[in-house]
Amino acid sequence: ADGVFAPPLVHFWAEEWRHGRDALRRDVLHRLRGDRLAVRSSACDEDQASGSRAGHYRSRLDVPRDAHRLAAAIDHVVASY
């Protein structure tokens, strides 16, 4: 069927990551089944009526499904805030 495919998404606040990283990492790996993952920013100031800051924050694409590499990728994106 034709259409747009939207992959599954797990969303959490940077502060939640800072205080509960192990539980969040387990949740992400449980909920997302791909061999490779993307860690993307979703900051409150990225898309607003007054302007876009698309690309302002870091992203990590093609992250192997590995707990340590996933944590490092999330740390990288969170540090860009």
PDB file of N, CA and C in Angstrom:
ATOM      1  N   ALA A   1       0.837  -1.181   0.000  1.00  0.00           N
ATOM      2  CA  ALA A   1       0.000   0.000   0.000  1.00  0.00           C
ATOM      3  C   ALA A   1       0.884   1.246   0.000  1.00  0.00           C
ATOM      4  N   ASP A   2       0.439   2.233  -0.725  1.00  0.00           N
ATOM      5  CA  ASP A   2       1.159   3.506  -0.755  1.00  0.00           C
ATOM      6  C   ASP A   2       0.853   4.276   0.511  1.00  0.00           C
ATOM      7  N   GLY A   3       1.791   5.113   0.902  1.00  0.00           N
ATOM      8  CA  GLY A   3       1.575   5.912   2.095  1.00  0.00           C
ATOM      9  C   GLY A   3       2.892   6.286   2.735  1.00  0.00           C
ATOM     10  N   VAL A   4       2.774   6.941   3.818  1.00  0.00           N
ATOM     11  CA  VAL A   4       3.949   7.388   4.555  1.00  0.00           C
ATOM     12  C   VAL A   4       4.137   6.479   5.752  1.00  0.00           C
ATOM     13  N   PHE A   5       5.355   6.045   5.935  1.00  0.00           N
ATOM     14  CA  PHE A   5       5.674   5.191   7.070  1.00  0.00           C
ATOM     15  C   PHE A   5       6.300   6.038   8.167  1.00  0.00           C
ATOM     16  N   ALA A   6       5.755   5.977   9.346  1.00  0.00           N
ATOM     17  CA  ALA A   6       6.331   6.676  10.503  1.00  0.00           C
ATOM     18  C   ALA A   6       6.826   5.620  11.483  1.00  0.00           C
ATOM     19  N   PRO A   7       8.131   5.572  11.707  1.00  0.00           N
ATOM     20  CA  PRO A   7       8.659   4.562  12.628  1.00  0.00           C
ATOM     21  C   PRO A   7       8.209   4.825  14.062  1.00  0.00           C
ATOM     22  N   PRO A   8       8.256   3.809  14.893  1.00  0.00           N
ATOM     23  CA  PRO A   8       7.885   3.984  16.304  1.00  0.00           C
ATOM     24  C   PRO A   8       8.772   5.042  16.970  1.00  0.00           C
ATOM     25  N   LEU A   9       8.235   5.665  17.990  1.00  0.00           N
ATOM     26  CA  LEU A   9       8.903   6.773  18.658  1.00  0.00           C
ATOM     27  C   LEU A   9       8.828   6.602  20.164  1.00  0.00           C
ATOM     28  N   VAL A  10       9.920   6.891  20.833  1.00  0.00           N
ATOM     29  CA  VAL A  10       9.944   6.959  22.297  1.00  0.00           C
ATOM     30  C   VAL A  10      10.406   8.365  22.633  1.00  0.00           C
ATOM     31  N   HIS A  11       9.610   9.056  23.422  1.00  0.00           N
ATOM     32  CA  HIS A  11       9.894  10.455  23.743  1.00  0.00           C
ATOM     33  C   HIS A  11      10.060  10.605  25.244  1.00  0.00           C
ATOM     34  N   PHE A  12      11.071  11.380  25.650  1.00  0.00           N
ATOM     35  CA  PHE A  12      11.247  11.684  27.071  1.00  0.00           C
ATOM     36  C   PHE A  12      11.994  13.002  27.197  1.00  0.00           C
ATOM     37  N   TRP A  13      11.904  13.597  28.357  1.00  0.00           N
ATOM     38  CA  TRP A  13      12.566  14.867  28.641  1.00  0.00           C
ATOM     39  C   TRP A  13      14.032  14.633  28.995  1.00  0.00           C
ATOM     40  N   ALA A  14      14.871  15.603  28.661  1.00  0.00           N
ATOM     41  CA  ALA A  14      16.298  15.511  28.991  1.00  0.00           C
ATOM     42  C   ALA A  14      16.490  15.324  30.493  1.00  0.00           C
ATOM     43  N   GLU A  15      15.690  15.991  31.284  1.00  0.00           N
ATOM     44  CA  GLU A  15      15.799  15.865  32.741  1.00  0.00           C
ATOM     45  C   GLU A  15      15.472  14.451  33.204  1.00  0.00           C
ATOM     46  N   GLU A  16      14.507  13.812  32.541  1.00  0.00           N
ATOM     47  CA  GLU A  16      14.199  12.416  32.860  1.00  0.00           C
ATOM     48  C   GLU A  16      15.414  11.530  32.568  1.00  0.00           C
ATOM     49  N   TRP A  17      16.098  11.799  31.472  1.00  0.00           N
ATOM     50  CA  TRP A  17      17.296  11.038  31.124  1.00  0.00           C
ATOM     51  C   TRP A  17      18.373  11.222  32.184  1.00  0.00           C
ATOM     52  N   ARG A  18      18.566  12.445  32.617  1.00  0.00           N
ATOM     53  CA  ARG A  18      19.613  12.721  33.607  1.00  0.00           C
ATOM     54  C   ARG A  18      19.374  11.997  34.923  1.00  0.00           C
ATOM     55  N   HIS A  19      18.110  11.763  35.262  1.00  0.00           N
ATOM     56  CA  HIS A  19      17.794  11.170  36.572  1.00  0.00           C
ATOM     57  C   HIS A  19      17.337   9.715  36.510  1.00  0.00           C
ATOM     58  N   GLY A  20      17.123   9.184  35.317  1.00  0.00           N
ATOM     59  CA  GLY A  20      16.645   7.808  35.222  1.00  0.00           C
ATOM     60  C   GLY A  20      17.124   7.105  33.975  1.00  0.00           C
ATOM     61  N   ARG A  21      18.368   7.335  33.632  1.00  0.00           N
ATOM     62  CA  ARG A  21      18.896   6.860  32.351  1.00  0.00           C
ATOM     63  C   ARG A  21      18.808   5.343  32.169  1.00  0.00           C
ATOM     64  N   ASP A  22      19.066   4.570  33.197  1.00  0.00           N
ATOM     65  CA  ASP A  22      19.047   3.109  33.035  1.00  0.00           C
ATOM     66  C   ASP A  22      17.648   2.597  32.701  1.00  0.00           C
ATOM     67  N   ALA A  23      16.653   3.093  33.420  1.00  0.00           N
ATOM     68  CA  ALA A  23      15.274   2.668  33.157  1.00  0.00           C
ATOM     69  C   ALA A  23      14.814   3.133  31.771  1.00  0.00           C
ATOM     70  N   LEU A  24      15.166   4.352  31.384  1.00  0.00           N
ATOM     71  CA  LEU A  24      14.772   4.852  30.068  1.00  0.00           C
ATOM     72  C   LEU A  24      15.464   4.075  28.954  1.00  0.00           C
ATOM     73  N   ARG A  25      16.714   3.768  29.142  1.00  0.00           N
ATOM     74  CA  ARG A  25      17.451   2.995  28.130  1.00  0.00           C
ATOM     75  C   ARG A  25      16.802   1.623  27.943  1.00  0.00           C
ATOM     76  N   ARG A  26      16.461   0.962  29.044  1.00  0.00           N
ATOM     77  CA  ARG A  26      15.772  -0.338  28.947  1.00  0.00           C
ATOM     78  C   ARG A  26      14.429  -0.191  28.224  1.00  0.00           C
ATOM     79  N   ASP A  27      13.694   0.875  28.544  1.00  0.00           N
ATOM     80  CA  ASP A  27      12.390   1.112  27.915  1.00  0.00           C
ATOM     81  C   ASP A  27      12.536   1.323  26.411  1.00  0.00           C
ATOM     82  N   VAL A  28      13.517   2.111  26.015  1.00  0.00           N
ATOM     83  CA  VAL A  28      13.744   2.351  24.589  1.00  0.00           C
ATOM     84  C   VAL A  28      14.058   1.033  23.882  1.00  0.00           C
ATOM     85  N   LEU A  29      14.970   0.267  24.421  1.00  0.00           N
ATOM     86  CA  LEU A  29      15.351  -0.996  23.783  1.00  0.00           C
ATOM     87  C   LEU A  29      14.207  -2.002  23.775  1.00  0.00           C
ATOM     88  N   HIS A  30      13.335  -1.941  24.755  1.00  0.00           N
ATOM     89  CA  HIS A  30      12.164  -2.825  24.792  1.00  0.00           C
ATOM     90  C   HIS A  30      11.128  -2.415  23.745  1.00  0.00           C
ATOM     91  N   ARG A  31      10.903  -1.119  23.602  1.00  0.00           N
ATOM     92  CA  ARG A  31       9.834  -0.618  22.728  1.00  0.00           C
ATOM     93  C   ARG A  31      10.229  -0.506  21.261  1.00  0.00           C
ATOM     94  N   LEU A  32      11.514  -0.308  20.976  1.00  0.00           N
ATOM     95  CA  LEU A  32      11.968  -0.175  19.591  1.00  0.00           C
ATOM     96  C   LEU A  32      12.724  -1.429  19.183  1.00  0.00           C
ATOM     97  N   ARG A  33      12.334  -2.008  18.085  1.00  0.00           N
ATOM     98  CA  ARG A  33      12.861  -3.319  17.696  1.00  0.00           C
ATOM     99  C   ARG A  33      13.923  -3.273  16.603  1.00  0.00           C
ATOM    100  N   GLY A  34      14.211  -2.148  16.030  1.00  0.00           N
ATOM    101  CA  GLY A  34      15.154  -2.094  14.922  1.00  0.00           C
ATOM    102  C   GLY A  34      16.577  -2.430  15.324  1.00  0.00           C
ATOM    103  N   ASP A  35      17.360  -2.882  14.348  1.00  0.00           N
ATOM    104  CA  ASP A  35      18.783  -3.152  14.583  1.00  0.00           C
ATOM    105  C   ASP A  35      19.573  -1.856  14.707  1.00  0.00           C
ATOM    106  N   ARG A  36      19.071  -0.811  14.082  1.00  0.00           N
ATOM    107  CA  ARG A  36      19.701   0.509  14.119  1.00  0.00           C
ATOM    108  C   ARG A  36      18.658   1.516  14.576  1.00  0.00           C
ATOM    109  N   LEU A  37      19.090   2.480  15.363  1.00  0.00           N
ATOM    110  CA  LEU A  37      18.177   3.471  15.928  1.00  0.00           C
ATOM    111  C   LEU A  37      18.636   4.879  15.572  1.00  0.00           C
ATOM    112  N   ALA A  38      17.724   5.821  15.672  1.00  0.00           N
ATOM    113  CA  ALA A  38      18.038   7.235  15.498  1.00  0.00           C
ATOM    114  C   ALA A  38      17.711   7.945  16.804  1.00  0.00           C
ATOM    115  N   VAL A  39      18.620   8.783  17.250  1.00  0.00           N
ATOM    116  CA  VAL A  39      18.398   9.592  18.449  1.00  0.00           C
ATOM    117  C   VAL A  39      18.330  11.032  17.971  1.00  0.00           C
ATOM    118  N   ARG A  40      17.160  11.632  18.113  1.00  0.00           N
ATOM    119  CA  ARG A  40      16.918  12.965  17.574  1.00  0.00           C
ATOM    120  C   ARG A  40      16.462  13.897  18.675  1.00  0.00           C
ATOM    121  N   SER A  41      16.773  15.155  18.508  1.00  0.00           N
ATOM    122  CA  SER A  41      16.299  16.150  19.461  1.00  0.00           C
ATOM    123  C   SER A  41      14.840  16.482  19.186  1.00  0.00           C
ATOM    124  N   SER A  42      14.189  16.969  20.207  1.00  0.00           N
ATOM    125  CA  SER A  42      12.815  17.433  20.100  1.00  0.00           C
ATOM    126  C   SER A  42      12.612  18.532  21.130  1.00  0.00           C
ATOM    127  N   ALA A  43      13.483  19.522  21.091  1.00  0.00           N
ATOM    128  CA  ALA A  43      13.446  20.606  22.075  1.00  0.00           C
ATOM    129  C   ALA A  43      12.238  21.510  21.840  1.00  0.00           C
ATOM    130  N   CYS A  44      11.766  22.095  22.915  1.00  0.00           N
ATOM    131  CA  CYS A  44      10.575  22.951  22.855  1.00  0.00           C
ATOM    132  C   CYS A  44      10.758  24.146  21.923  1.00  0.00           C
ATOM    133  N   ASP A  45      11.983  24.612  21.768  1.00  0.00           N
ATOM    134  CA  ASP A  45      12.201  25.800  20.942  1.00  0.00           C
ATOM    135  C   ASP A  45      12.591  25.487  19.496  1.00  0.00           C
ATOM    136  N   GLU A  46      12.472  24.238  19.084  1.00  0.00           N
ATOM    137  CA  GLU A  46      12.871  23.894  17.716  1.00  0.00           C
ATOM    138  C   GLU A  46      11.883  24.380  16.670  1.00  0.00           C
ATOM    139  N   ASP A  47      10.624  24.187  16.881  1.00  0.00           N
ATOM    140  CA  ASP A  47       9.614  24.579  15.898  1.00  0.00           C
ATOM    141  C   ASP A  47       8.543  25.413  16.564  1.00  0.00           C
ATOM    142  N   GLN A  48       8.587  26.703  16.290  1.00  0.00           N
ATOM    143  CA  GLN A  48       7.594  27.621  16.839  1.00  0.00           C
ATOM    144  C   GLN A  48       7.122  28.553  15.734  1.00  0.00           C
ATOM    145  N   ALA A  49       6.017  29.208  15.966  1.00  0.00           N
ATOM    146  CA  ALA A  49       5.473  30.131  14.968  1.00  0.00           C
ATOM    147  C   ALA A  49       6.463  31.244  14.638  1.00  0.00           C
ATOM    148  N   SER A  50       7.282  31.630  15.607  1.00  0.00           N
ATOM    149  CA  SER A  50       8.234  32.731  15.396  1.00  0.00           C
ATOM    150  C   SER A  50       9.476  32.302  14.618  1.00  0.00           C
ATOM    151  N   GLY A  51       9.685  31.004  14.432  1.00  0.00           N
ATOM    152  CA  GLY A  51      10.843  30.555  13.669  1.00  0.00           C
ATOM    153  C   GLY A  51      11.199  29.123  13.956  1.00  0.00           C
ATOM    154  N   SER A  52      12.093  28.616  13.145  1.00  0.00           N
ATOM    155  CA  SER A  52      12.527  27.233  13.277  1.00  0.00           C
ATOM    156  C   SER A  52      13.996  27.184  13.667  1.00  0.00           C
ATOM    157  N   ARG A  53      14.324  26.253  14.508  1.00  0.00           N
ATOM    158  CA  ARG A  53      15.714  25.995  14.864  1.00  0.00           C
ATOM    159  C   ARG A  53      16.090  24.582  14.434  1.00  0.00           C
ATOM    160  N   ALA A  54      15.480  24.149  13.352  1.00  0.00           N
ATOM    161  CA  ALA A  54      15.769  22.813  12.839  1.00  0.00           C
ATOM    162  C   ALA A  54      17.263  22.668  12.584  1.00  0.00           C
ATOM    163  N   GLY A  55      17.834  21.582  13.060  1.00  0.00           N
ATOM    164  CA  GLY A  55      19.254  21.329  12.891  1.00  0.00           C
ATOM    165  C   GLY A  55      20.139  22.000  13.924  1.00  0.00           C
ATOM    166  N   HIS A  56      19.551  22.780  14.820  1.00  0.00           N
ATOM    167  CA  HIS A  56      20.337  23.482  15.830  1.00  0.00           C
ATOM    168  C   HIS A  56      20.945  22.503  16.845  1.00  0.00           C
ATOM    169  N   TYR A  57      20.187  21.477  17.186  1.00  0.00           N
ATOM    170  CA  TYR A  57      20.660  20.491  18.160  1.00  0.00           C
ATOM    171  C   TYR A  57      21.186  19.256  17.437  1.00  0.00           C
ATOM    172  N   ARG A  58      22.012  18.502  18.115  1.00  0.00           N
ATOM    173  CA  ARG A  58      22.634  17.324  17.522  1.00  0.00           C
ATOM    174  C   ARG A  58      21.647  16.175  17.363  1.00  0.00           C
ATOM    175  N   SER A  59      21.962  15.299  16.454  1.00  0.00           N
ATOM    176  CA  SER A  59      21.251  14.037  16.253  1.00  0.00           C
ATOM    177  C   SER A  59      22.291  12.949  16.071  1.00  0.00           C
ATOM    178  N   ARG A  60      21.904  11.744  16.347  1.00  0.00           N
ATOM    179  CA  ARG A  60      22.749  10.581  16.069  1.00  0.00           C
ATOM    180  C   ARG A  60      21.893   9.593  15.303  1.00  0.00           C
ATOM    181  N   LEU A  61      22.330   9.264  14.106  1.00  0.00           N
ATOM    182  CA  LEU A  61      21.605   8.325  13.260  1.00  0.00           C
ATOM    183  C   LEU A  61      22.401   7.034  13.142  1.00  0.00           C
ATOM    184  N   ASP A  62      21.719   5.970  12.795  1.00  0.00           N
ATOM    185  CA  ASP A  62      22.350   4.674  12.562  1.00  0.00           C
ATOM    186  C   ASP A  62      23.083   4.163  13.805  1.00  0.00           C
ATOM    187  N   VAL A  63      22.453   4.347  14.961  1.00  0.00           N
ATOM    188  CA  VAL A  63      23.029   3.909  16.235  1.00  0.00           C
ATOM    189  C   VAL A  63      22.772   2.407  16.392  1.00  0.00           C
ATOM    190  N   PRO A  64      23.813   1.613  16.575  1.00  0.00           N
ATOM    191  CA  PRO A  64      23.608   0.170  16.763  1.00  0.00           C
ATOM    192  C   PRO A  64      22.744  -0.121  17.993  1.00  0.00           C
ATOM    193  N   ARG A  65      21.997  -1.174  17.916  1.00  0.00           N
ATOM    194  CA  ARG A  65      21.125  -1.593  19.023  1.00  0.00           C
ATOM    195  C   ARG A  65      21.993  -2.198  20.125  1.00  0.00           C
ATOM    196  N   ASP A  66      22.619  -1.339  20.877  1.00  0.00           N
ATOM    197  CA  ASP A  66      23.541  -1.713  21.933  1.00  0.00           C
ATOM    198  C   ASP A  66      23.328  -0.723  23.079  1.00  0.00           C
ATOM    199  N   ALA A  67      23.161  -1.222  24.292  1.00  0.00           N
ATOM    200  CA  ALA A  67      22.820  -0.359  25.432  1.00  0.00           C
ATOM    201  C   ALA A  67      23.845   0.750  25.649  1.00  0.00           C
ATOM    202  N   HIS A  68      25.111   0.437  25.541  1.00  0.00           N
ATOM    203  CA  HIS A  68      26.151   1.450  25.788  1.00  0.00           C
ATOM    204  C   HIS A  68      26.205   2.485  24.670  1.00  0.00           C
ATOM    205  N   ARG A  69      26.091   2.036  23.437  1.00  0.00           N
ATOM    206  CA  ARG A  69      26.113   2.985  22.309  1.00  0.00           C
ATOM    207  C   ARG A  69      24.865   3.842  22.281  1.00  0.00           C
ATOM    208  N   LEU A  70      23.732   3.264  22.653  1.00  0.00           N
ATOM    209  CA  LEU A  70      22.507   4.048  22.736  1.00  0.00           C
ATOM    210  C   LEU A  70      22.653   5.134  23.799  1.00  0.00           C
ATOM    211  N   ALA A  71      23.154   4.782  24.970  1.00  0.00           N
ATOM    212  CA  ALA A  71      23.342   5.767  26.042  1.00  0.00           C
ATOM    213  C   ALA A  71      24.291   6.876  25.600  1.00  0.00           C
ATOM    214  N   ALA A  72      25.371   6.525  24.909  1.00  0.00           N
ATOM    215  CA  ALA A  72      26.318   7.537  24.433  1.00  0.00           C
ATOM    216  C   ALA A  72      25.670   8.462  23.418  1.00  0.00           C
ATOM    217  N   ALA A  73      24.834   7.912  22.543  1.00  0.00           N
ATOM    218  CA  ALA A  73      24.141   8.739  21.550  1.00  0.00           C
ATOM    219  C   ALA A  73      23.160   9.697  22.230  1.00  0.00           C
ATOM    220  N   ILE A  74      22.415   9.206  23.208  1.00  0.00           N
ATOM    221  CA  ILE A  74      21.469  10.059  23.924  1.00  0.00           C
ATOM    222  C   ILE A  74      22.240  11.145  24.698  1.00  0.00           C
ATOM    223  N   ASP A  75      23.338  10.774  25.344  1.00  0.00           N
ATOM    224  CA  ASP A  75      24.169  11.768  26.033  1.00  0.00           C
ATOM    225  C   ASP A  75      24.620  12.855  25.068  1.00  0.00           C
ATOM    226  N   HIS A  76      25.015  12.487  23.873  1.00  0.00           N
ATOM    227  CA  HIS A  76      25.488  13.435  22.871  1.00  0.00           C
ATOM    228  C   HIS A  76      24.393  14.437  22.499  1.00  0.00           C
ATOM    229  N   VAL A  77      23.194  13.927  22.271  1.00  0.00           N
ATOM    230  CA  VAL A  77      22.073  14.806  21.890  1.00  0.00           C
ATOM    231  C   VAL A  77      21.682  15.693  23.070  1.00  0.00           C
ATOM    232  N   VAL A  78      21.553  15.135  24.255  1.00  0.00           N
ATOM    233  CA  VAL A  78      21.166  15.907  25.441  1.00  0.00           C
ATOM    234  C   VAL A  78      22.195  16.986  25.730  1.00  0.00           C
ATOM    235  N   ALA A  79      23.473  16.699  25.534  1.00  0.00           N
ATOM    236  CA  ALA A  79      24.532  17.699  25.786  1.00  0.00           C
ATOM    237  C   ALA A  79      24.405  18.898  24.856  1.00  0.00           C
ATOM    238  N   SER A  80      23.770  18.724  23.711  1.00  0.00           N
ATOM    239  CA  SER A  80      23.635  19.839  22.765  1.00  0.00           C
ATOM    240  C   SER A  80      22.554  20.831  23.175  1.00  0.00           C
ATOM    241  N   TYR A  81      21.768  20.496  24.181  1.00  0.00           N
ATOM    242  CA  TYR A  81      20.743  21.423  24.679  1.00  0.00           C
ATOM    243  C   TYR A  81      21.407  22.485  25.521  1.00  0.00           C
TER     244      TYR A  81
END
